[in-house]
PDB file of N, CA and C in Angstrom:
ATOM      1  N   MET A   1       1.045  -1.059  -0.358  1.00  0.00           N
ATOM      2  CA  MET A   1      -0.400  -0.211  -0.151  1.00  0.00           C
ATOM      3  C   MET A   1       0.658   1.536   0.135  1.00  0.00           C
ATOM      4  N   LYS A   2       2.042   1.079   0.962  1.00  0.00           N
ATOM      5  CA  LYS A   2       2.972   2.216   0.427  1.00  0.00           C
ATOM      6  C   LYS A   2       3.738   2.942  -0.940  1.00  0.00           C
ATOM      7  N   GLY A   3       3.629   1.656  -1.328  1.00  0.00           N
ATOM      8  CA  GLY A   3       3.937   2.104  -2.601  1.00  0.00           C
ATOM      9  C   GLY A   3       3.214   2.990  -3.433  1.00  0.00           C
ATOM     10  N   VAL A   4       2.067   2.673  -3.257  1.00  0.00           N
ATOM     11  CA  VAL A   4       0.790   2.981  -4.303  1.00  0.00           C
ATOM     12  C   VAL A   4       1.053   4.782  -3.696  1.00  0.00           C
ATOM     13  N   VAL A   5       1.230   5.066  -2.351  1.00  0.00           N
ATOM     14  CA  VAL A   5       0.825   6.261  -2.049  1.00  0.00           C
ATOM     15  C   VAL A   5       2.295   7.146  -2.113  1.00  0.00           C
ATOM     16  N   ILE A   6       3.346   6.518  -2.482  1.00  0.00           N
ATOM     17  CA  ILE A   6       4.405   7.735  -2.708  1.00  0.00           C
ATOM     18  C   ILE A   6       4.400   8.146  -3.779  1.00  0.00           C
ATOM     19  N   PRO A   7       4.558   7.718  -5.323  1.00  0.00           N
ATOM     20  CA  PRO A   7       4.168   7.840  -6.448  1.00  0.00           C
ATOM     21  C   PRO A   7       3.119   9.196  -6.566  1.00  0.00           C
ATOM     22  N   ASN A   8       1.975   9.065  -6.211  1.00  0.00           N
ATOM     23  CA  ASN A   8       0.764  10.494  -5.854  1.00  0.00           C
ATOM     24  C   ASN A   8       1.550  11.607  -4.994  1.00  0.00           C
ATOM     25  N   LEU A   9       2.508  10.999  -4.037  1.00  0.00           N
ATOM     26  CA  LEU A   9       3.208  12.167  -3.535  1.00  0.00           C
ATOM     27  C   LEU A   9       3.973  13.002  -4.336  1.00  0.00           C
ATOM     28  N   VAL A  10       4.744  12.234  -5.269  1.00  0.00           N
ATOM     29  CA  VAL A  10       5.978  12.707  -5.819  1.00  0.00           C
ATOM     30  C   VAL A  10       5.396  13.769  -7.141  1.00  0.00           C
ATOM     31  N   ILE A  11       4.474  13.387  -7.581  1.00  0.00           N
ATOM     32  CA  ILE A  11       3.487  13.834  -8.257  1.00  0.00           C
ATOM     33  C   ILE A  11       2.913  15.193  -8.138  1.00  0.00           C
ATOM     34  N   SER A  12       2.349  15.228  -6.883  1.00  0.00           N
ATOM     35  CA  SER A  12       2.239  16.295  -5.685  1.00  0.00           C
ATOM     36  C   SER A  12       2.860  17.524  -5.774  1.00  0.00           C
ATOM     37  N   ASN A  13       3.948  16.882  -5.494  1.00  0.00           N
ATOM     38  CA  ASN A  13       4.587  17.554  -5.147  1.00  0.00           C
ATOM     39  C   ASN A  13       5.446  18.441  -6.606  1.00  0.00           C
ATOM     40  N   ARG A  14       5.377  17.637  -7.668  1.00  0.00           N
ATOM     41  CA  ARG A  14       5.901  18.414  -8.635  1.00  0.00           C
ATOM     42  C   ARG A  14       4.888  19.639  -9.410  1.00  0.00           C
ATOM     43  N   LYS A  15       3.888  19.472  -9.334  1.00  0.00           N
ATOM     44  CA  LYS A  15       2.591  20.108  -9.198  1.00  0.00           C
ATOM     45  C   LYS A  15       2.762  21.597  -8.756  1.00  0.00           C
ATOM     46  N   ASN A  16       2.990  21.267  -7.409  1.00  0.00           N
ATOM     47  CA  ASN A  16       3.336  22.623  -6.303  1.00  0.00           C
ATOM     48  C   ASN A  16       4.323  23.372  -6.814  1.00  0.00           C
ATOM     49  N   SER A  17       5.681  22.628  -7.168  1.00  0.00           N
ATOM     50  CA  SER A  17       6.678  23.162  -7.559  1.00  0.00           C
ATOM     51  C   SER A  17       6.220  23.791  -8.566  1.00  0.00           C
ATOM     52  N   PHE A  18       5.967  23.476 -10.098  1.00  0.00           N
ATOM     53  CA  PHE A  18       5.403  24.081 -11.272  1.00  0.00           C
ATOM     54  C   PHE A  18       4.615  25.285 -11.034  1.00  0.00           C
ATOM     55  N   PHE A  19       3.502  25.225  -9.893  1.00  0.00           N
ATOM     56  CA  PHE A  19       2.721  25.926  -9.284  1.00  0.00           C
ATOM     57  C   PHE A  19       3.203  27.428  -8.215  1.00  0.00           C
ATOM     58  N   ARG A  20       4.433  26.901  -7.951  1.00  0.00           N
ATOM     59  CA  ARG A  20       5.476  27.864  -7.207  1.00  0.00           C
ATOM     60  C   ARG A  20       6.495  28.742  -8.264  1.00  0.00           C
ATOM     61  N   LEU A  21       6.455  27.902  -8.894  1.00  0.00           N
ATOM     62  CA  LEU A  21       7.770  28.375  -9.847  1.00  0.00           C
ATOM     63  C   LEU A  21       6.818  29.710 -10.675  1.00  0.00           C
ATOM     64  N   PHE A  22       5.623  29.378 -11.488  1.00  0.00           N
ATOM     65  CA  PHE A  22       4.630  29.947 -12.163  1.00  0.00           C
ATOM     66  C   PHE A  22       4.389  31.562 -11.406  1.00  0.00           C
ATOM     67  N   TYR A  23       4.437  31.194 -10.008  1.00  0.00           N
ATOM     68  CA  TYR A  23       3.594  32.129  -9.407  1.00  0.00           C
ATOM     69  C   TYR A  23       5.222  33.111  -8.914  1.00  0.00           C
ATOM     70  N   THR A  24       6.334  32.316  -9.056  1.00  0.00           N
ATOM     71  CA  THR A  24       7.267  33.368  -8.138  1.00  0.00           C
ATOM     72  C   THR A  24       8.134  34.124 -10.089  1.00  0.00           C
ATOM     73  N   TYR A  25       7.955  33.255 -10.638  1.00  0.00           N
ATOM     74  CA  TYR A  25       8.457  34.077 -12.170  1.00  0.00           C
ATOM     75  C   TYR A  25       7.762  35.381 -12.714  1.00  0.00           C
ATOM     76  N   LEU A  26       6.488  34.743 -12.597  1.00  0.00           N
ATOM     77  CA  LEU A  26       5.547  35.031 -13.365  1.00  0.00           C
ATOM     78  C   LEU A  26       4.857  36.242 -12.577  1.00  0.00           C
ATOM     79  N   ILE A  27       3.534  35.762 -11.785  1.00  0.00           N
ATOM     80  CA  ILE A  27       2.809  36.123 -11.414  1.00  0.00           C
ATOM     81  C   ILE A  27       2.984  37.556 -10.319  1.00  0.00           C
ATOM     82  N   ILE A  28       4.250  37.097  -9.513  1.00  0.00           N
ATOM     83  CA  ILE A  28       4.945  38.287  -8.464  1.00  0.00           C
ATOM     84  C   ILE A  28       5.203  39.524  -9.274  1.00  0.00           C
ATOM     85  N   PRO A  29       6.208  39.237 -10.566  1.00  0.00           N
ATOM     86  CA  PRO A  29       6.753  40.234 -11.260  1.00  0.00           C
ATOM     87  C   PRO A  29       5.287  41.038 -12.357  1.00  0.00           C
ATOM     88  N   PHE A  30       4.012  40.357 -12.618  1.00  0.00           N
ATOM     89  CA  PHE A  30       3.285  40.891 -13.559  1.00  0.00           C
ATOM     90  C   PHE A  30       2.545  41.622 -12.874  1.00  0.00           C
ATOM     91  N   ARG A  31       2.572  41.632 -10.946  1.00  0.00           N
ATOM     92  CA  ARG A  31       1.547  42.848  -9.979  1.00  0.00           C
ATOM     93  C   ARG A  31       2.726  43.924 -10.307  1.00  0.00           C
ATOM     94  N   SER A  32       4.536  43.727  -9.768  1.00  0.00           N
ATOM     95  CA  SER A  32       4.877  44.948  -9.770  1.00  0.00           C
ATOM     96  C   SER A  32       5.342  45.502 -11.373  1.00  0.00           C
ATOM     97  N   GLY A  33       5.076  44.802 -12.020  1.00  0.00           N
ATOM     98  CA  GLY A  33       4.874  45.419 -13.374  1.00  0.00           C
ATOM     99  C   GLY A  33       3.673  46.572 -13.726  1.00  0.00           C
ATOM    100  N   LEU A  34       2.492  45.594 -13.104  1.00  0.00           N
ATOM    101  CA  LEU A  34       1.346  46.734 -12.712  1.00  0.00           C
ATOM    102  C   LEU A  34       0.938  47.855 -11.844  1.00  0.00           C
ATOM    103  N   PHE A  35       2.012  47.439 -11.115  1.00  0.00           N
ATOM    104  CA  PHE A  35       2.309  48.737 -10.407  1.00  0.00           C
ATOM    105  C   PHE A  35       3.021  49.523 -10.608  1.00  0.00           C
ATOM    106  N   GLY A  36       3.926  49.055 -11.569  1.00  0.00           N
ATOM    107  CA  GLY A  36       5.302  50.209 -12.216  1.00  0.00           C
ATOM    108  C   GLY A  36       4.122  51.123 -13.261  1.00  0.00           C
ATOM    109  N   PHE A  37       3.688  50.726 -14.220  1.00  0.00           N
ATOM    110  CA  PHE A  37       2.506  51.019 -14.961  1.00  0.00           C
ATOM    111  C   PHE A  37       1.615  52.421 -14.391  1.00  0.00           C
ATOM    112  N   ALA A  38       0.923  51.560 -13.093  1.00  0.00           N
ATOM    113  CA  ALA A  38      -0.048  52.650 -12.157  1.00  0.00           C
ATOM    114  C   ALA A  38       0.476  53.909 -11.883  1.00  0.00           C
ATOM    115  N   PHE A  39       1.631  53.961 -11.386  1.00  0.00           N
ATOM    116  CA  PHE A  39       2.759  54.819 -11.021  1.00  0.00           C
ATOM    117  C   PHE A  39       3.281  55.827 -11.789  1.00  0.00           C
ATOM    118  N   PHE A  40       3.661  55.311 -13.326  1.00  0.00           N
ATOM    119  CA  PHE A  40       4.138  55.921 -14.482  1.00  0.00           C
ATOM    120  C   PHE A  40       2.834  56.927 -14.780  1.00  0.00           C
ATOM    121  N   PHE A  41       1.688  56.108 -15.017  1.00  0.00           N
ATOM    122  CA  PHE A  41       0.290  56.548 -15.443  1.00  0.00           C
ATOM    123  C   PHE A  41      -0.121  57.679 -14.175  1.00  0.00           C
ATOM    124  N   THR A  42       0.141  57.533 -13.192  1.00  0.00           N
ATOM    125  CA  THR A  42      -0.623  58.512 -12.537  1.00  0.00           C
ATOM    126  C   THR A  42       0.501  59.835 -12.252  1.00  0.00           C
ATOM    127  N   ALA A  43       1.550  59.819 -12.287  1.00  0.00           N
ATOM    128  CA  ALA A  43       2.484  60.608 -11.971  1.00  0.00           C
ATOM    129  C   ALA A  43       2.382  61.374 -13.220  1.00  0.00           C
ATOM    130  N   LEU A  44       2.096  60.743 -14.931  1.00  0.00           N
ATOM    131  CA  LEU A  44       1.818  61.600 -16.349  1.00  0.00           C
ATOM    132  C   LEU A  44       0.301  61.919 -16.029  1.00  0.00           C
ATOM    133  N   LEU A  45      -0.515  61.718 -15.192  1.00  0.00           N
ATOM    134  CA  LEU A  45      -1.923  62.403 -15.036  1.00  0.00           C
ATOM    135  C   LEU A  45      -1.797  63.484 -14.309  1.00  0.00           C
ATOM    136  N   LEU A  46      -0.797  63.335 -13.577  1.00  0.00           N
ATOM    137  CA  LEU A  46      -0.393  64.711 -12.596  1.00  0.00           C
ATOM    138  C   LEU A  46       0.132  65.913 -12.833  1.00  0.00           C
ATOM    139  N   VAL A  47       1.253  65.316 -13.695  1.00  0.00           N
ATOM    140  CA  VAL A  47       1.846  66.143 -14.769  1.00  0.00           C
ATOM    141  C   VAL A  47       0.988  67.273 -15.644  1.00  0.00           C
ATOM    142  N   LYS A  48      -0.097  66.290 -16.293  1.00  0.00           N
ATOM    143  CA  LYS A  48      -1.342  66.699 -17.279  1.00  0.00           C
ATOM    144  C   LYS A  48      -1.785  68.219 -16.927  1.00  0.00           C
ATOM    145  N   THR A  49      -2.687  67.387 -15.680  1.00  0.00           N
ATOM    146  CA  THR A  49      -3.235  68.137 -14.901  1.00  0.00           C
ATOM    147  C   THR A  49      -2.298  69.492 -14.445  1.00  0.00           C
ATOM    148  N   PHE A  50      -1.624  69.440 -13.608  1.00  0.00           N
ATOM    149  CA  PHE A  50      -0.812  70.640 -13.256  1.00  0.00           C
ATOM    150  C   PHE A  50      -0.701  71.470 -14.514  1.00  0.00           C
ATOM    151  N   LEU A  51       0.083  71.469 -16.055  1.00  0.00           N
ATOM    152  CA  LEU A  51       0.342  71.818 -16.800  1.00  0.00           C
ATOM    153  C   LEU A  51      -1.128  72.216 -16.976  1.00  0.00           C
ATOM    154  N   PHE A  52      -2.745  71.882 -17.529  1.00  0.00           N
ATOM    155  CA  PHE A  52      -3.655  72.091 -17.471  1.00  0.00           C
ATOM    156  C   PHE A  52      -4.257  73.672 -16.991  1.00  0.00           C
ATOM    157  N   LEU A  53      -4.039  73.384 -15.454  1.00  0.00           N
ATOM    158  CA  LEU A  53      -4.510  74.042 -14.721  1.00  0.00           C
ATOM    159  C   LEU A  53      -3.315  75.866 -14.401  1.00  0.00           C
ATOM    160  N   ILE A  54      -2.380  75.441 -15.150  1.00  0.00           N
ATOM    161  CA  ILE A  54      -1.464  76.641 -15.021  1.00  0.00           C
ATOM    162  C   ILE A  54      -1.641  77.177 -16.658  1.00  0.00           C
ATOM    163  N   SER A  55      -1.874  76.140 -17.304  1.00  0.00           N
ATOM    164  CA  SER A  55      -2.112  76.946 -19.031  1.00  0.00           C
ATOM    165  C   SER A  55      -3.240  77.340 -19.386  1.00  0.00           C
ATOM    166  N   SER A  56      -3.409  77.923 -20.315  1.00  0.00           N
ATOM    167  CA  SER A  56      -4.468  78.391 -20.856  1.00  0.00           C
ATOM    168  C   SER A  56      -5.444  77.434 -22.143  1.00  0.00           C
ATOM    169  N   GLN A  57      -4.855  76.297 -21.980  1.00  0.00           N
ATOM    170  CA  GLN A  57      -5.691  75.394 -22.393  1.00  0.00           C
ATOM    171  C   GLN A  57      -6.899  75.122 -22.289  1.00  0.00           C
ATOM    172  N   ASN A  58      -8.157  74.875 -22.910  1.00  0.00           N
ATOM    173  CA  ASN A  58      -9.605  74.503 -22.745  1.00  0.00           C
ATOM    174  C   ASN A  58      -9.703  72.978 -22.937  1.00  0.00           C
ATOM    175  N   TYR A  59      -8.761  72.222 -22.760  1.00  0.00           N
ATOM    176  CA  TYR A  59      -8.743  70.839 -23.346  1.00  0.00           C
ATOM    177  C   TYR A  59      -7.480  69.838 -22.348  1.00  0.00           C
ATOM    178  N   PHE A  60      -8.254  68.571 -22.065  1.00  0.00           N
ATOM    179  CA  PHE A  60      -7.400  67.800 -21.148  1.00  0.00           C
ATOM    180  C   PHE A  60      -7.577  66.391 -21.893  1.00  0.00           C
ATOM    181  N   ILE A  61      -6.173  66.379 -22.768  1.00  0.00           N
ATOM    182  CA  ILE A  61      -6.386  64.820 -23.260  1.00  0.00           C
ATOM    183  C   ILE A  61      -5.016  63.690 -23.130  1.00  0.00           C
ATOM    184  N   VAL A  62      -5.825  62.624 -22.789  1.00  0.00           N
ATOM    185  CA  VAL A  62      -5.176  61.155 -23.081  1.00  0.00           C
ATOM    186  C   VAL A  62      -4.696  60.253 -23.934  1.00  0.00           C
ATOM    187  N   ASN A  63      -3.305  60.355 -24.023  1.00  0.00           N
ATOM    188  CA  ASN A  63      -3.212  60.131 -25.963  1.00  0.00           C
ATOM    189  C   ASN A  63      -2.889  58.816 -26.088  1.00  0.00           C
ATOM    190  N   VAL A  64      -2.693  58.113 -26.903  1.00  0.00           N
ATOM    191  CA  VAL A  64      -2.013  56.472 -26.965  1.00  0.00           C
ATOM    192  C   VAL A  64      -1.184  56.756 -26.369  1.00  0.00           C
ATOM    193  N   GLY A  65      -0.264  57.733 -26.847  1.00  0.00           N
ATOM    194  CA  GLY A  65       1.796  57.962 -26.656  1.00  0.00           C
ATOM    195  C   GLY A  65       1.608  58.138 -25.216  1.00  0.00           C
ATOM    196  N   ASP A  66       0.938  58.234 -24.457  1.00  0.00           N
ATOM    197  CA  ASP A  66       0.752  58.406 -22.888  1.00  0.00           C
ATOM    198  C   ASP A  66       0.900  56.765 -22.047  1.00  0.00           C
ATOM    199  N   VAL A  67      -0.216  55.962 -22.649  1.00  0.00           N
ATOM    200  CA  VAL A  67      -0.298  54.873 -22.381  1.00  0.00           C
ATOM    201  C   VAL A  67       0.597  53.838 -22.407  1.00  0.00           C
ATOM    202  N   ALA A  68       1.113  54.188 -23.724  1.00  0.00           N
ATOM    203  CA  ALA A  68       2.697  53.666 -24.155  1.00  0.00           C
ATOM    204  C   ALA A  68       3.640  54.094 -23.030  1.00  0.00           C
ATOM    205  N   LEU A  69       3.952  55.567 -23.387  1.00  0.00           N
ATOM    206  CA  LEU A  69       5.367  55.950 -21.994  1.00  0.00           C
ATOM    207  C   LEU A  69       4.805  54.970 -20.788  1.00  0.00           C
ATOM    208  N   SER A  70       3.527  54.546 -20.419  1.00  0.00           N
ATOM    209  CA  SER A  70       3.512  54.182 -19.332  1.00  0.00           C
ATOM    210  C   SER A  70       3.860  52.723 -18.876  1.00  0.00           C
ATOM    211  N   LEU A  71       3.608  52.112 -20.524  1.00  0.00           N
ATOM    212  CA  LEU A  71       4.266  50.946 -20.536  1.00  0.00           C
ATOM    213  C   LEU A  71       5.698  50.536 -20.054  1.00  0.00           C
ATOM    214  N   ILE A  72       6.657  51.859 -20.798  1.00  0.00           N
ATOM    215  CA  ILE A  72       7.462  52.046 -20.140  1.00  0.00           C
ATOM    216  C   ILE A  72       7.708  51.448 -18.278  1.00  0.00           C
ATOM    217  N   GLY A  73       6.832  51.992 -17.980  1.00  0.00           N
ATOM    218  CA  GLY A  73       7.082  51.621 -16.376  1.00  0.00           C
ATOM    219  C   GLY A  73       6.761  49.940 -16.059  1.00  0.00           C
ATOM    220  N   PHE A  74       5.863  49.434 -16.406  1.00  0.00           N
ATOM    221  CA  PHE A  74       5.327  48.172 -16.537  1.00  0.00           C
ATOM    222  C   PHE A  74       6.682  46.991 -17.080  1.00  0.00           C
ATOM    223  N   ALA A  75       7.074  48.035 -17.947  1.00  0.00           N
ATOM    224  CA  ALA A  75       8.132  46.836 -18.611  1.00  0.00           C
ATOM    225  C   ALA A  75       9.442  46.853 -17.496  1.00  0.00           C
ATOM    226  N   SER A  76       9.894  48.111 -17.344  1.00  0.00           N
ATOM    227  CA  SER A  76      10.983  48.214 -15.851  1.00  0.00           C
ATOM    228  C   SER A  76      10.952  47.537 -14.236  1.00  0.00           C
ATOM    229  N   PHE A  77       9.652  47.675 -14.089  1.00  0.00           N
ATOM    230  CA  PHE A  77       9.625  47.213 -13.030  1.00  0.00           C
ATOM    231  C   PHE A  77       9.074  45.588 -13.115  1.00  0.00           C
ATOM    232  N   TYR A  78       8.573  45.373 -14.642  1.00  0.00           N
ATOM    233  CA  TYR A  78       8.186  43.566 -14.160  1.00  0.00           C
ATOM    234  C   TYR A  78       9.867  42.962 -14.545  1.00  0.00           C
ATOM    235  N   ILE A  79      10.545  44.200 -15.252  1.00  0.00           N
ATOM    236  CA  ILE A  79      12.399  42.973 -15.037  1.00  0.00           C
ATOM    237  C   ILE A  79      12.901  43.146 -14.171  1.00  0.00           C
ATOM    238  N   VAL A  80      12.808  44.463 -13.019  1.00  0.00           N
ATOM    239  CA  VAL A  80      12.912  44.818 -11.849  1.00  0.00           C
ATOM    240  C   VAL A  80      12.512  43.292 -10.654  1.00  0.00           C
ATOM    241  N   GLY A  81      11.131  42.993 -10.863  1.00  0.00           N
ATOM    242  CA  GLY A  81      10.974  41.985 -10.609  1.00  0.00           C
ATOM    243  C   GLY A  81      11.449  40.337 -10.612  1.00  0.00           C
ATOM    244  N   ILE A  82      11.683  39.837 -11.997  1.00  0.00           N
ATOM    245  CA  ILE A  82      12.333  39.028 -12.340  1.00  0.00           C
ATOM    246  C   ILE A  82      13.837  38.878 -11.741  1.00  0.00           C
ATOM    247  N   PHE A  83      14.670  39.907 -12.185  1.00  0.00           N
ATOM    248  CA  PHE A  83      16.049  40.106 -11.524  1.00  0.00           C
ATOM    249  C   PHE A  83      16.034  39.467  -9.759  1.00  0.00           C
ATOM    250  N   GLN A  84      15.047  40.604  -9.144  1.00  0.00           N
ATOM    251  CA  GLN A  84      14.811  40.107  -8.009  1.00  0.00           C
ATOM    252  C   GLN A  84      14.581  38.481  -7.089  1.00  0.00           C
ATOM    253  N   ASN A  85      13.730  37.872  -8.081  1.00  0.00           N
ATOM    254  CA  ASN A  85      13.826  36.839  -7.693  1.00  0.00           C
ATOM    255  C   ASN A  85      14.811  35.912  -8.140  1.00  0.00           C
ATOM    256  N   PHE A  86      15.527  36.280  -9.103  1.00  0.00           N
ATOM    257  CA  PHE A  86      16.740  35.186  -9.297  1.00  0.00           C
ATOM    258  C   PHE A  86      17.811  35.732  -8.613  1.00  0.00           C
ATOM    259  N   LYS A  87      18.027  37.356  -7.773  1.00  0.00           N
ATOM    260  CA  LYS A  87      18.976  37.123  -7.110  1.00  0.00           C
ATOM    261  C   LYS A  87      18.683  36.579  -5.364  1.00  0.00           C
ATOM    262  N   ASN A  88      17.420  36.419  -5.273  1.00  0.00           N
ATOM    263  CA  ASN A  88      16.616  36.059  -3.737  1.00  0.00           C
ATOM    264  C   ASN A  88      17.341  34.378  -3.570  1.00  0.00           C
ATOM    265  N   GLY A  89      17.028  34.004  -5.203  1.00  0.00           N
ATOM    266  CA  GLY A  89      17.031  32.364  -5.536  1.00  0.00           C
ATOM    267  C   GLY A  89      16.519  31.587  -4.928  1.00  0.00           C
ATOM    268  N   LYS A  90      14.958  31.979  -5.615  1.00  0.00           N
ATOM    269  CA  LYS A  90      13.380  31.665  -5.275  1.00  0.00           C
ATOM    270  C   LYS A  90      13.921  30.664  -6.076  1.00  0.00           C
TER     271      LYS A  90
END
């Protein structure tokens, strides 16, 4: 009976190992990338709002270029998150 139980535990450990690696190297960096995107986008919106308030413009526009610029924040924070995982040896 023990011979039947042991292989199931090995398969279970492989599944847990896969999900742990998936979570560590994909989900955690993705969350930090979303934080970077939100940080860059918020900073961009604050600067645009400030310039709108002090200038004589009658409109406030958020372009696709603003979102693309915020993607730089996503990419940079995502890469930093991946490198931190490698550095920590997880």
